[in-house]
């Protein structure tokens, strides 16, 4: 048996949005029951949406990952659960997955952090 590890060669970010607060990201990117997955790595809380076009799927075989939307906010330390009350005194709660040990996400979030000052997407 042959096993080959073939990490992505290129990541293409089509749209990036920097939220101002953790609450804003959580409220806009999770459902009322917190079912949208949130991720954390390298001091960033984020949600990403992969492109699902046929072209993007074909490019994945060549090691090119197309991220249609990458939404993020700074969050220095990992928290498994984020909860707060919104304007209607309703508890908002979301689960966060720690991806801080995965090289792909560490590299991606470091790129975001390094390029934030350049304001590439504003």
Protein backbone atom coordinates (compact mmCIF):
# COMPACT_ATOMS: atom_id res chain seq x y z
CA UNK A 1 0.00 0.00 0.00
CA UNK A 2 1.25 3.47 -0.87
CA UNK A 3 0.23 6.48 1.21
CA UNK A 4 0.90 9.97 -0.08
CA UNK A 5 0.46 13.20 1.84
CA UNK A 6 -0.27 16.01 -0.59
CA UNK A 7 -1.08 19.31 1.15
CA UNK A 8 -2.55 22.20 -0.86
CA UNK A 9 -0.10 24.09 -3.04
CA UNK A 10 -2.15 27.28 -3.30
CA UNK A 11 -5.01 28.94 -1.43
CA UNK A 12 -7.11 31.49 -3.29
CA UNK A 13 -9.10 33.87 -1.06
CA UNK A 14 -11.87 35.52 -3.03
CA UNK A 15 -13.42 37.68 -0.29
CA UNK A 16 -12.22 38.51 3.21
CA UNK A 17 -14.26 40.33 5.83
CA UNK A 18 -12.83 41.51 9.14
CA UNK A 19 -15.54 41.76 11.79
CA UNK A 20 -15.16 44.35 14.53
CA UNK A 21 -16.36 42.19 17.42
CA UNK A 22 -16.65 38.53 18.32
CA UNK A 23 -20.36 39.02 18.98
CA UNK A 24 -20.91 40.48 15.50
CA UNK A 25 -19.24 37.51 13.83
CA UNK A 26 -21.09 34.95 15.96
CA UNK A 27 -24.51 36.58 15.51
CA UNK A 28 -24.19 36.92 11.75
CA UNK A 29 -22.51 33.62 11.01
CA UNK A 30 -24.34 31.14 13.25
CA UNK A 31 -27.93 30.01 13.38
CA UNK A 32 -30.03 30.57 16.47
CA UNK A 33 -29.06 27.17 17.83
CA UNK A 34 -25.34 27.72 17.18
CA UNK A 35 -25.10 25.10 14.46
CA UNK A 36 -22.67 26.99 12.22
CA UNK A 37 -19.14 25.84 12.91
CA UNK A 38 -16.69 28.48 14.06
CA UNK A 39 -12.97 27.87 14.00
CA UNK A 40 -9.99 29.27 15.87
CA UNK A 41 -6.30 29.31 14.99
CA UNK A 42 -3.41 31.67 15.61
CA UNK A 43 -5.45 34.28 17.47
CA UNK A 44 -8.30 34.47 14.95
CA UNK A 45 -11.89 33.29 15.22
CA UNK A 46 -13.16 32.58 11.73
CA UNK A 47 -15.70 31.06 9.39
CA UNK A 48 -14.85 30.10 5.86
CA UNK A 49 -16.91 29.01 2.92
CA UNK A 50 -15.23 26.91 0.26
CA UNK A 51 -16.22 27.49 -3.32
CA UNK A 52 -18.29 24.60 -4.60
CA UNK A 53 -18.13 25.32 -8.32
CA UNK A 54 -17.15 22.52 -10.67
CA UNK A 55 -13.98 24.44 -11.60
CA UNK A 56 -12.98 24.74 -7.93
CA UNK A 57 -13.55 21.04 -7.38
CA UNK A 58 -11.30 20.25 -10.34
CA UNK A 59 -8.63 22.64 -9.04
CA UNK A 60 -8.61 20.87 -5.67
CA UNK A 61 -7.16 17.83 -7.43
CA UNK A 62 -4.27 20.08 -8.51
CA UNK A 63 -3.75 21.37 -4.96
CA UNK A 64 -5.59 24.69 -5.32
CA UNK A 65 -8.14 25.50 -2.60
CA UNK A 66 -10.66 28.24 -3.40
CA UNK A 67 -12.11 29.95 -0.34
CA UNK A 68 -15.09 32.00 -1.47
CA UNK A 69 -15.51 33.88 1.84
CA UNK A 70 -13.22 34.13 4.86
CA UNK A 71 -14.82 36.02 7.76
CA UNK A 72 -12.80 36.61 10.89
CA UNK A 73 -12.23 38.58 14.08
CA UNK A 74 -9.33 38.67 16.53
CA UNK A 75 -9.69 36.38 19.55
CA UNK A 76 -6.40 35.98 21.38
CA UNK A 77 -7.19 32.81 23.30
CA UNK A 78 -9.18 29.78 22.27
CA UNK A 79 -12.60 29.25 23.88
CA UNK A 80 -14.63 26.12 23.19
CA UNK A 81 -17.96 27.91 23.69
CA UNK A 82 -18.80 31.53 23.02
CA UNK A 83 -21.95 32.81 24.66
CA UNK A 84 -23.50 36.20 25.27
CA UNK A 85 -26.90 37.88 25.37
CA UNK A 86 -28.02 39.82 22.32
CA UNK A 87 -30.29 42.88 22.21
CA UNK A 88 -33.40 40.78 22.77
CA UNK A 89 -31.97 39.23 25.96
CA UNK A 90 -31.70 35.94 24.18
CA UNK A 91 -28.67 33.77 24.89
CA UNK A 92 -26.47 33.31 21.84
CA UNK A 93 -24.19 30.32 22.07
CA UNK A 94 -21.77 28.84 19.54
CA UNK A 95 -19.17 26.09 19.55
CA UNK A 96 -15.63 26.82 18.41
CA UNK A 97 -13.27 24.19 17.06
CA UNK A 98 -9.57 24.59 17.81
CA UNK A 99 -7.61 24.28 14.57
CA UNK A 100 -4.50 25.89 16.05
CA UNK A 101 -2.52 22.68 15.61
CA UNK A 102 -3.28 22.19 11.90
CA UNK A 103 -0.52 23.56 9.62
CA UNK A 104 -2.98 24.56 6.85
CA UNK A 105 -4.95 26.82 9.20
CA UNK A 106 -1.88 28.16 10.97
CA UNK A 107 -0.39 29.24 7.65
CA UNK A 108 -3.67 30.71 6.41
CA UNK A 109 -4.36 32.71 9.57
CA UNK A 110 -0.75 33.94 9.73
CA UNK A 111 -1.09 35.24 6.17
CA UNK A 112 -4.30 37.06 7.15
CA UNK A 113 -2.60 38.61 10.19
CA UNK A 114 0.49 39.66 8.20
CA UNK A 115 -1.57 41.28 5.47
CA UNK A 116 -4.14 43.01 7.69
CA UNK A 117 -2.11 46.23 7.73
CA UNK A 118 -2.11 46.33 3.95
CA UNK A 119 -5.95 46.54 3.92
CA UNK A 120 -6.10 44.42 0.80
CA UNK A 121 -9.81 43.89 1.11
CA UNK A 122 -11.19 47.21 2.35
